[in-house]
Protein backbone atom coordinates (compact mmCIF):
# COMPACT_ATOMS: atom_id res chain seq x y z
CA MET A 1 10.97 46.00 -14.11
CA SER A 2 9.02 47.55 -16.99
CA GLU A 3 5.24 47.54 -17.05
CA GLU A 4 5.39 45.28 -20.11
CA ASN A 5 7.43 42.64 -18.22
CA LEU A 6 5.05 42.75 -15.25
CA HIS A 7 2.35 41.22 -17.44
CA ASP A 8 4.59 38.17 -17.99
CA VAL A 9 4.84 37.34 -14.27
CA PRO A 10 2.65 34.28 -13.58
CA LYS A 11 -0.09 34.62 -11.00
CA VAL A 12 0.91 32.28 -8.20
CA ASP A 13 -0.90 31.47 -4.96
CA VAL A 14 -0.79 28.57 -2.49
CA MET A 15 -3.27 26.58 -4.59
CA SER A 16 -1.61 27.09 -7.97
CA ASN A 17 0.43 24.32 -9.60
CA PHE A 18 3.77 23.61 -7.97
CA LEU A 19 4.52 20.49 -10.00
CA PHE A 20 2.98 17.38 -11.56
CA ILE A 21 3.56 13.93 -10.06
CA PHE A 22 2.62 10.76 -11.90
CA THR A 23 0.69 8.17 -9.89
CA SER A 24 2.15 4.66 -9.69
CA GLY A 25 -0.37 3.13 -12.07
CA THR A 26 -1.03 0.02 -9.96
CA THR A 27 -4.73 -0.09 -10.90
CA GLY A 28 -4.52 1.35 -14.44
CA LEU A 29 -2.48 3.77 -16.48
CA SER A 30 -0.36 6.32 -14.66
CA LYS A 31 -1.93 9.80 -14.39
CA ALA A 32 -0.31 13.20 -13.84
CA ALA A 33 -1.65 14.54 -10.52
CA ARG A 34 -1.51 18.30 -10.03
CA VAL A 35 0.27 19.25 -6.80
CA GLY A 36 -0.22 22.77 -5.45
CA HIS A 37 2.16 24.88 -3.40
CA MET A 38 0.12 24.25 -0.21
CA LYS A 39 0.43 20.45 -0.62
CA ALA A 40 4.18 20.80 -1.20
CA ILE A 41 4.65 22.92 1.94
CA VAL A 42 2.62 20.50 4.09
CA SER A 43 4.55 17.50 2.67
CA MET A 44 7.88 19.06 3.62
CA ALA A 45 6.87 18.89 7.31
CA PHE A 46 6.56 15.08 7.31
CA LEU A 47 10.08 14.25 8.57
CA HIS A 48 9.79 16.97 11.22
CA LEU A 49 6.52 15.42 12.44
CA CYS A 50 8.27 12.04 12.61
CA GLY A 51 10.88 13.46 14.99
CA ALA A 52 13.78 14.26 12.63
CA THR A 53 15.91 17.36 13.36
CA SER A 54 18.53 19.54 11.66
CA ASP A 55 21.25 17.36 13.21
CA ASP A 56 20.10 14.22 11.37
CA VAL A 57 21.68 12.60 8.32
CA ILE A 58 18.77 11.36 6.19
CA TYR A 59 19.19 8.53 3.66
CA VAL A 60 16.90 8.74 0.59
CA THR A 61 16.97 5.76 -1.83
CA LEU A 62 13.59 6.14 -3.57
CA PRO A 63 12.96 7.56 -7.09
CA LEU A 64 12.73 11.35 -7.10
CA TYR A 65 9.80 11.46 -9.53
CA HIS A 66 7.52 10.19 -6.75
CA MET A 67 6.27 12.26 -3.85
CA SER A 68 7.88 10.21 -1.08
CA ALA A 69 11.46 10.99 -2.13
CA SER A 70 10.96 14.42 -3.68
CA LEU A 71 8.55 16.32 -1.42
CA LEU A 72 8.76 14.29 1.80
CA GLY A 73 12.44 13.30 1.51
CA ILE A 74 14.37 16.07 -0.25
CA GLY A 75 11.78 18.70 0.70
CA GLY A 76 11.84 17.47 4.29
CA CYS A 77 15.64 17.78 4.44
CA ILE A 78 15.46 21.35 3.13
CA HIS A 79 12.70 22.19 5.63
CA LEU A 80 14.79 20.85 8.52
CA GLY A 81 18.17 22.03 7.31
CA ALA A 82 19.30 18.40 7.68
CA THR A 83 21.95 16.53 5.70
CA CYS A 84 20.64 14.40 2.84
CA VAL A 85 22.42 11.29 1.55
CA LEU A 86 20.93 10.60 -1.88
CA LYS A 87 21.32 7.13 -3.42
CA LYS A 88 20.95 6.82 -7.19
CA LYS A 89 19.04 3.54 -6.83
CA PHE A 90 17.96 1.46 -3.84
CA SER A 91 20.28 -1.46 -3.09
CA ALA A 92 19.28 -3.94 -0.37
CA SER A 93 22.82 -5.38 -0.19
CA GLN A 94 24.47 -1.95 0.21
CA PHE A 95 21.83 -0.34 2.45
CA TRP A 96 23.38 -0.85 5.90
CA LYS A 97 26.93 -0.43 4.57
CA ASP A 98 25.89 2.99 3.24
CA CYS A 99 24.29 3.85 6.59
CA VAL A 100 27.56 3.15 8.42
CA LYS A 101 29.74 4.82 5.77
CA HIS A 102 27.75 8.08 5.79
CA ASP A 103 26.80 8.07 9.50
CA VAL A 104 23.07 7.93 8.63
CA THR A 105 20.58 8.50 11.48
CA VAL A 106 17.22 8.57 9.61
CA VAL A 107 16.06 6.34 6.74
CA GLN A 108 13.04 6.63 4.51
CA TYR A 109 11.07 3.58 3.38
CA ILE A 110 8.02 2.71 1.30
CA GLY A 111 6.12 -0.49 0.60
CA GLU A 112 8.21 -3.63 0.64
CA LEU A 113 11.63 -1.96 0.98
CA CYS A 114 11.94 -3.18 4.58
CA ARG A 115 11.09 -6.76 3.53
CA TYR A 116 13.89 -6.65 0.94
CA LEU A 117 16.29 -5.68 3.73
CA PHE A 118 15.54 -8.59 6.06
CA ASN A 119 15.58 -11.05 3.17
CA GLN A 120 19.27 -10.17 2.75
CA PRO A 121 22.00 -12.25 4.44
CA ALA A 122 23.19 -10.73 7.72
CA VAL A 123 26.06 -8.23 7.54
CA PRO A 124 27.97 -6.67 10.48
CA GLU A 125 26.79 -3.17 9.51
CA GLU A 126 23.15 -4.00 10.29
CA LYS A 127 24.11 -4.01 13.97
CA THR A 128 26.74 -1.21 14.02
CA HIS A 129 24.73 1.53 12.27
CA ARG A 130 23.46 4.65 14.07
CA VAL A 131 19.99 4.75 12.47
CA ARG A 132 17.46 5.82 15.11
CA LEU A 133 14.38 6.54 12.98
CA ALA A 134 12.66 4.94 9.95
CA ALA A 135 9.88 7.04 8.40
CA GLY A 136 7.57 6.07 5.57
CA SER A 137 4.41 4.24 4.57
CA GLY A 138 3.10 0.86 3.46
CA LEU A 139 4.83 -1.23 6.15
CA ARG A 140 2.86 -4.41 6.86
CA SER A 141 2.63 -5.63 10.45
CA ASP A 142 4.57 -8.86 9.87
CA VAL A 143 7.41 -6.99 8.16
CA TRP A 144 7.31 -4.29 10.86
CA ARG A 145 7.89 -6.80 13.68
CA GLU A 146 10.69 -8.62 11.86
CA PHE A 147 12.41 -5.34 10.90
CA ALA A 148 12.31 -4.08 14.50
CA ARG A 149 13.55 -7.41 15.88
CA ARG A 150 16.53 -7.75 13.55
CA PHE A 151 17.91 -4.26 12.99
CA GLY A 152 18.05 -2.80 16.48
CA ARG A 153 16.34 0.01 18.34
CA ILE A 154 14.94 1.95 15.39
CA LYS A 155 11.81 4.00 16.01
CA ILE A 156 9.31 3.42 13.19
CA ARG A 157 6.97 6.21 12.12
CA GLU A 158 4.38 4.80 9.72
CA GLY A 159 2.25 7.30 7.84
CA TYR A 160 -0.35 7.44 5.11
CA GLY A 161 -0.65 10.01 2.35
CA LEU A 162 -1.77 10.52 -1.22
CA THR A 163 -0.29 12.27 -4.22
CA GLU A 164 -3.65 13.70 -5.25
CA ALA A 165 -5.04 15.10 -1.97
CA SER A 166 -3.88 16.47 1.39
CA ILE A 167 -5.55 13.86 3.61
CA GLY A 168 -2.89 12.07 5.65
CA PHE A 169 -2.18 10.29 8.94
CA LEU A 170 0.85 9.48 11.09
CA ASN A 171 1.24 6.80 13.75
CA TYR A 172 3.16 8.73 16.39
CA THR A 173 2.86 5.85 18.93
CA ASP A 174 4.87 2.64 19.28
CA GLU A 175 1.83 0.48 18.43
CA VAL A 176 2.72 -1.95 15.61
CA GLY A 177 0.38 -1.85 12.60
CA PRO A 178 -1.71 1.35 12.58
CA ILE A 179 -1.21 4.24 10.14
CA GLY A 180 -2.60 6.83 12.58
CA ARG A 181 -5.43 7.80 14.89
CA ALA A 182 -9.11 8.61 14.32
CA SER A 183 -9.90 10.44 17.54
CA TYR A 184 -12.24 13.44 17.85
CA PHE A 185 -9.34 15.90 17.80
CA ASN A 186 -7.66 14.23 14.81
CA LYS A 187 -10.87 14.54 12.82
CA LEU A 188 -11.23 18.20 13.78
CA SER A 189 -7.94 19.07 12.12
CA MET A 190 -8.27 16.58 9.23
CA PRO A 191 -11.91 15.65 8.59
CA PHE A 192 -12.56 12.30 6.91
CA GLU A 193 -15.10 9.48 6.85
CA LEU A 194 -15.01 5.72 6.26
CA LEU A 195 -17.94 4.62 4.09
CA ARG A 196 -19.59 1.21 3.82
CA TYR A 197 -19.09 -0.20 0.30
CA ASP A 198 -20.51 -2.82 -2.06
CA PRO A 199 -17.82 -5.53 -2.45
CA GLN A 200 -19.05 -6.35 -5.97
CA THR A 201 -18.95 -2.84 -7.44
CA TYR A 202 -16.66 -1.18 -4.85
CA GLU A 203 -19.08 1.75 -4.86
CA PRO A 204 -20.26 3.31 -1.57
CA VAL A 205 -23.54 1.86 -0.30
CA ARG A 206 -26.36 4.43 -0.51
CA THR A 207 -29.68 4.48 1.32
CA ASP A 208 -33.06 4.83 -0.37
CA SER A 209 -32.66 8.59 -0.02
CA GLY A 210 -29.33 8.42 -1.87
CA ARG A 211 -27.04 9.10 1.08
CA CYS A 212 -23.89 7.17 1.96
CA VAL A 213 -23.53 5.06 5.12
CA ARG A 214 -20.64 5.26 7.59
CA ALA A 215 -18.73 2.02 8.20
CA ALA A 216 -19.03 0.58 11.71
CA ILE A 217 -16.13 0.37 14.17
CA GLY A 218 -14.08 -2.69 13.21
CA GLU A 219 -15.45 -2.73 9.64
CA ALA A 220 -13.29 -1.76 6.64
CA GLY A 221 -14.64 1.24 4.74
CA ILE A 222 -13.66 3.53 1.87
CA LEU A 223 -11.65 6.51 3.08
CA VAL A 224 -13.16 9.78 1.82
CA ALA A 225 -12.37 13.38 2.73
CA PRO A 226 -14.47 16.52 2.16
CA LEU A 227 -12.98 19.00 -0.29
CA THR A 228 -11.94 22.11 1.64
CA ALA A 229 -9.47 24.97 1.29
CA MET A 230 -6.95 22.87 3.23
CA ASN A 231 -7.80 19.66 1.35
CA PRO A 232 -8.24 20.59 -2.31
CA PHE A 233 -8.22 18.15 -5.20
CA LEU A 234 -6.60 19.85 -8.19
CA GLY A 235 -7.33 16.90 -10.44
CA TYR A 236 -5.28 15.11 -13.09
CA ALA A 237 -3.68 17.20 -15.81
CA GLY A 238 -5.70 17.08 -19.03
CA ASN A 239 -7.97 14.30 -17.76
CA GLN A 240 -11.29 15.71 -16.59
CA VAL A 241 -13.02 12.30 -16.82
CA GLN A 242 -10.57 10.59 -14.44
CA SER A 243 -10.62 13.65 -12.16
CA GLU A 244 -14.41 13.52 -11.83
CA LYS A 245 -14.28 9.76 -11.08
CA LYS A 246 -12.39 10.54 -7.85
CA LEU A 247 -15.22 12.72 -6.51
CA LEU A 248 -18.34 11.67 -4.60
CA ARG A 249 -21.27 14.07 -4.48
CA GLY A 250 -24.29 14.17 -2.17
CA VAL A 251 -22.54 11.92 0.35
CA PHE A 252 -24.41 13.10 3.46
CA LYS A 253 -26.34 16.13 2.17
CA ASP A 254 -27.09 17.98 -1.04
CA GLY A 255 -24.13 19.81 -2.48
CA ASP A 256 -21.34 18.19 -0.45
CA VAL A 257 -18.30 16.89 -2.36
CA TYR A 258 -15.84 14.29 -1.07
CA PHE A 259 -12.56 12.98 -2.50
CA ASN A 260 -12.61 9.19 -2.86
CA THR A 261 -9.15 7.82 -2.00
CA GLY A 262 -9.96 4.34 -3.29
CA ASP A 263 -8.38 2.90 -0.14
CA LEU A 264 -10.04 0.72 2.49
CA LEU A 265 -9.24 1.62 6.11
CA LEU A 266 -10.43 0.17 9.40
CA HIS A 267 -11.14 2.18 12.58
CA ASP A 268 -10.82 0.06 15.74
CA HIS A 269 -12.33 0.57 19.20
CA ARG A 270 -9.13 2.29 20.44
CA ASP A 271 -9.33 4.90 17.64
CA PHE A 272 -6.40 3.44 15.71
CA LEU A 273 -6.63 3.45 11.90
CA TYR A 274 -5.34 0.52 9.84
CA PHE A 275 -4.79 0.29 6.09
CA ARG A 276 -6.65 -2.76 4.78
CA ASP A 277 -6.51 -2.71 0.97
CA ARG A 278 -6.88 -0.69 -2.16
CA ILE A 279 -10.29 -0.81 -3.83
CA GLY A 280 -10.16 -3.72 -6.24
CA ASP A 281 -7.62 -5.67 -4.19
CA THR A 282 -10.24 -6.94 -1.74
CA PHE A 283 -12.36 -9.64 -3.36
CA ARG A 284 -15.46 -11.64 -2.44
CA TRP A 285 -15.57 -15.44 -2.12
CA LYS A 286 -18.20 -17.71 -0.55
CA GLY A 287 -20.19 -14.58 0.33
CA GLU A 288 -17.32 -13.10 2.40
CA ASN A 289 -14.87 -10.26 1.82
CA VAL A 290 -11.23 -11.36 1.61
CA SER A 291 -8.50 -8.88 2.54
CA THR A 292 -5.41 -9.49 0.40
CA THR A 293 -3.27 -7.68 2.98
CA GLU A 294 -4.37 -10.02 5.77
CA VAL A 295 -3.72 -13.16 3.69
CA SER A 296 -0.29 -11.82 2.62
CA GLU A 297 0.68 -11.25 6.24
CA VAL A 298 -0.34 -14.80 7.18
CA LEU A 299 1.64 -16.42 4.34
CA GLY A 300 4.61 -14.19 5.14
CA LEU A 301 4.97 -15.92 8.53
CA LEU A 302 6.11 -19.17 6.89
CA ASP A 303 9.87 -19.64 6.86
CA PHE A 304 10.06 -20.84 3.24
CA ILE A 305 8.10 -17.93 1.71
CA GLN A 306 9.98 -14.73 0.89
CA GLU A 307 7.26 -12.63 -0.78
CA THR A 308 3.57 -12.99 -1.61
CA ASN A 309 1.07 -11.23 -3.83
CA ILE A 310 -2.57 -12.16 -3.14
CA TYR A 311 -5.41 -11.65 -5.62
CA GLY A 312 -8.73 -13.16 -6.69
CA VAL A 313 -9.37 -15.13 -9.90
CA THR A 314 -12.63 -16.02 -11.63
CA VAL A 315 -13.57 -19.73 -11.65
CA PRO A 316 -16.36 -20.85 -14.03
CA GLY A 317 -19.50 -21.91 -12.17
CA HIS A 318 -18.58 -20.06 -8.99
CA GLU A 319 -19.67 -16.66 -7.76
CA GLY A 320 -17.05 -14.15 -6.71
CA ARG A 321 -13.32 -14.79 -7.05
CA ALA A 322 -11.21 -17.56 -5.56
CA GLY A 323 -8.00 -16.67 -3.75
CA MET A 324 -4.69 -17.08 -5.55
CA ALA A 325 -1.16 -16.37 -4.29
CA ALA A 326 1.90 -15.56 -6.35
CA VAL A 327 4.83 -16.47 -4.10
CA VAL A 328 8.61 -16.16 -4.19
CA LEU A 329 10.38 -18.88 -2.20
CA LYS A 330 13.42 -18.12 -0.07
CA PRO A 331 16.77 -19.26 -1.54
CA ASP A 332 17.47 -22.95 -0.96
CA HIS A 333 13.85 -23.58 0.14
CA ILE A 334 11.11 -25.61 -1.52
CA LEU A 335 7.36 -25.26 -1.36
CA ASP A 336 6.02 -27.23 1.62
CA GLY A 337 2.37 -27.57 0.62
CA ALA A 338 1.33 -29.69 3.63
CA ASN A 339 2.87 -27.18 6.03
CA LEU A 340 1.17 -24.32 4.20
CA TYR A 341 -2.21 -26.08 4.39
CA ALA A 342 -1.82 -26.72 8.15
CA HIS A 343 -0.84 -23.05 8.63
CA LEU A 344 -3.92 -21.84 6.74
CA VAL A 345 -6.21 -24.05 8.83
CA LYS A 346 -4.79 -22.54 12.03
CA THR A 347 -4.73 -18.89 10.97
CA LEU A 348 -7.43 -18.07 8.41
CA PRO A 349 -11.13 -18.83 7.84
CA ALA A 350 -11.66 -21.25 4.95
CA TYR A 351 -13.11 -18.61 2.61
CA ALA A 352 -9.80 -16.66 2.79
CA TRP A 353 -7.53 -19.59 1.85
CA PRO A 354 -5.73 -19.25 -1.49
CA TRP A 355 -6.91 -22.13 -3.67
CA PHE A 356 -4.18 -21.59 -6.24
CA LEU A 357 -0.44 -20.92 -5.94
CA ARG A 358 1.89 -19.51 -8.58
CA VAL A 359 5.61 -19.84 -7.77
CA GLN A 360 7.68 -17.02 -9.27
CA THR A 361 11.34 -16.00 -9.13
CA SER A 362 10.34 -12.38 -8.45
CA LEU A 363 7.17 -10.32 -8.11
CA ASP A 364 6.21 -7.52 -10.50
CA VAL A 365 6.31 -4.21 -8.64
CA THR A 366 6.20 -0.50 -9.51
CA GLU A 367 9.18 1.80 -8.94
CA THR A 368 7.90 2.40 -5.40
CA PHE A 369 7.58 -1.32 -4.65
CA LYS A 370 3.79 -1.50 -4.97
CA GLN A 371 2.70 -4.92 -6.20
CA GLN A 372 1.21 -5.27 -9.68
CA LYS A 373 -1.87 -7.50 -9.78
CA MET A 374 -3.70 -6.78 -13.05
CA LYS A 375 -1.62 -9.10 -15.28
CA LEU A 376 -1.76 -11.89 -12.69
CA VAL A 377 -5.56 -11.59 -12.39
CA GLN A 378 -5.94 -11.70 -16.19
CA GLU A 379 -3.73 -14.79 -16.56
CA GLY A 380 -5.59 -16.59 -13.77
CA PHE A 381 -4.67 -20.22 -13.07
CA ASP A 382 -4.43 -21.58 -16.63
CA PRO A 383 -1.20 -23.64 -16.91
CA GLU A 384 -1.03 -22.92 -20.66
CA VAL A 385 -0.53 -19.16 -20.23
CA THR A 386 2.49 -19.29 -17.92
CA GLU A 387 5.67 -21.30 -17.46
CA ASP A 388 5.54 -20.61 -13.70
CA LEU A 389 4.78 -23.65 -11.53
CA LEU A 390 1.11 -23.72 -10.48
CA PHE A 391 -0.44 -25.60 -7.55
CA PHE A 392 -4.00 -26.32 -6.38
CA LEU A 393 -5.24 -26.76 -2.81
CA ASP A 394 -6.45 -30.36 -2.53
CA VAL A 395 -8.35 -30.44 0.77
CA SER A 396 -8.72 -34.24 0.67
CA GLN A 397 -4.90 -34.60 0.63
CA LYS A 398 -4.38 -31.60 2.95
CA ASP A 399 -1.73 -30.40 0.54
CA PHE A 400 -1.07 -28.23 -2.52
CA VAL A 401 -0.74 -30.45 -5.60
CA PRO A 402 0.66 -29.57 -9.07
CA LEU A 403 -1.97 -27.93 -11.28
CA THR A 404 -1.85 -29.99 -14.46
CA GLU A 405 -3.80 -29.27 -17.65
CA ARG A 406 -6.14 -32.19 -16.83
CA LEU A 407 -6.78 -30.86 -13.31
CA TYR A 408 -7.33 -27.38 -14.76
CA HIS A 409 -9.95 -28.84 -17.16
CA ASP A 410 -11.68 -30.65 -14.29
CA ILE A 411 -11.87 -27.39 -12.28
CA VAL A 412 -13.26 -25.23 -15.10
CA THR A 413 -15.82 -27.89 -16.12
CA GLY A 414 -17.00 -28.33 -12.53
CA ASN A 415 -15.76 -31.89 -12.02
CA VAL A 416 -13.64 -30.60 -9.14
CA LYS A 417 -15.48 -28.38 -6.67
CA LEU A 418 -13.90 -25.56 -4.69
């Protein structure tokens, strides 16, 4: 190679750009996150950490422009030397048939994919497949139990990771629900903190001296991780303002810098970590914090509800946001408002009950099955802005009643109290 050509060779190291991955855009516009070579290499080890080997046949159905399929899925197959079965687009009806046809042993999931599978009618292939391992993230506890009950002895490895940073966890136990562990040794290799936050502003609480406060055991807190050589944040391409918004400075001492994941996690007394919500999903009502994930799991236990999306809506004359649920009913089922009310009384404190219901034929989700809430929050519970059926929780009748324009007017003028 001539000396002139040598000058054209790009300078590459483990922290230089490997590729750009666009975030899902669930809480705003999608942003191009810079992913370095180090992050790509670490991501490729995910399936290996879950227990996959070179002998496995791994089924990838997710879009390749997201990290789960590209770096964890395809990259993981290359890292292992395993066989990859690549589906052009996820199909719930063909999933188990494909697994049998291609002798699949490992499947990758994200978000609500597993719920879509058990909402399908039973097929013989769901019992005759050879799948031994399901690896992914975003699996809610209620879906987890139902998936394990119906589809056989499949080991589930639930993890947590981010496009923008290297902080991540993996539940390597058979405990249903957690995303990983928070023991002393875990934190040595992957330092992180859970910070107490203000539920109105979603900003970390700071003391008079300006320092942040750690969340207590059993209390949801914002997951943050110190920026280090092993956990860099390369920022969003061409968007310095958004990049800076993800950083917290002076968290525990002058000069320290932490990456703010925007996710709320809970650390229990056994050192398990649980995903609770994204910042902005949790809302405050009657002076209490409401976890949308918890309410979704409770509604998901009812046999006539197929899917739920929980969010908070503003009601004139009331502080905070009242709970609202967009629901999809199972085929050939109707809304049983009295049953739903009785279920709420048994399972949730009153402040967490959804006061409004919106019955939809399908929920708006991103390409990776993350629920969209912004449009639902903006439309609220006004019957004039949607053709979807709306219902209101009438405590005196112990039932959900149709939300008419007259009832809507009575609620917003304060004639009906929540």
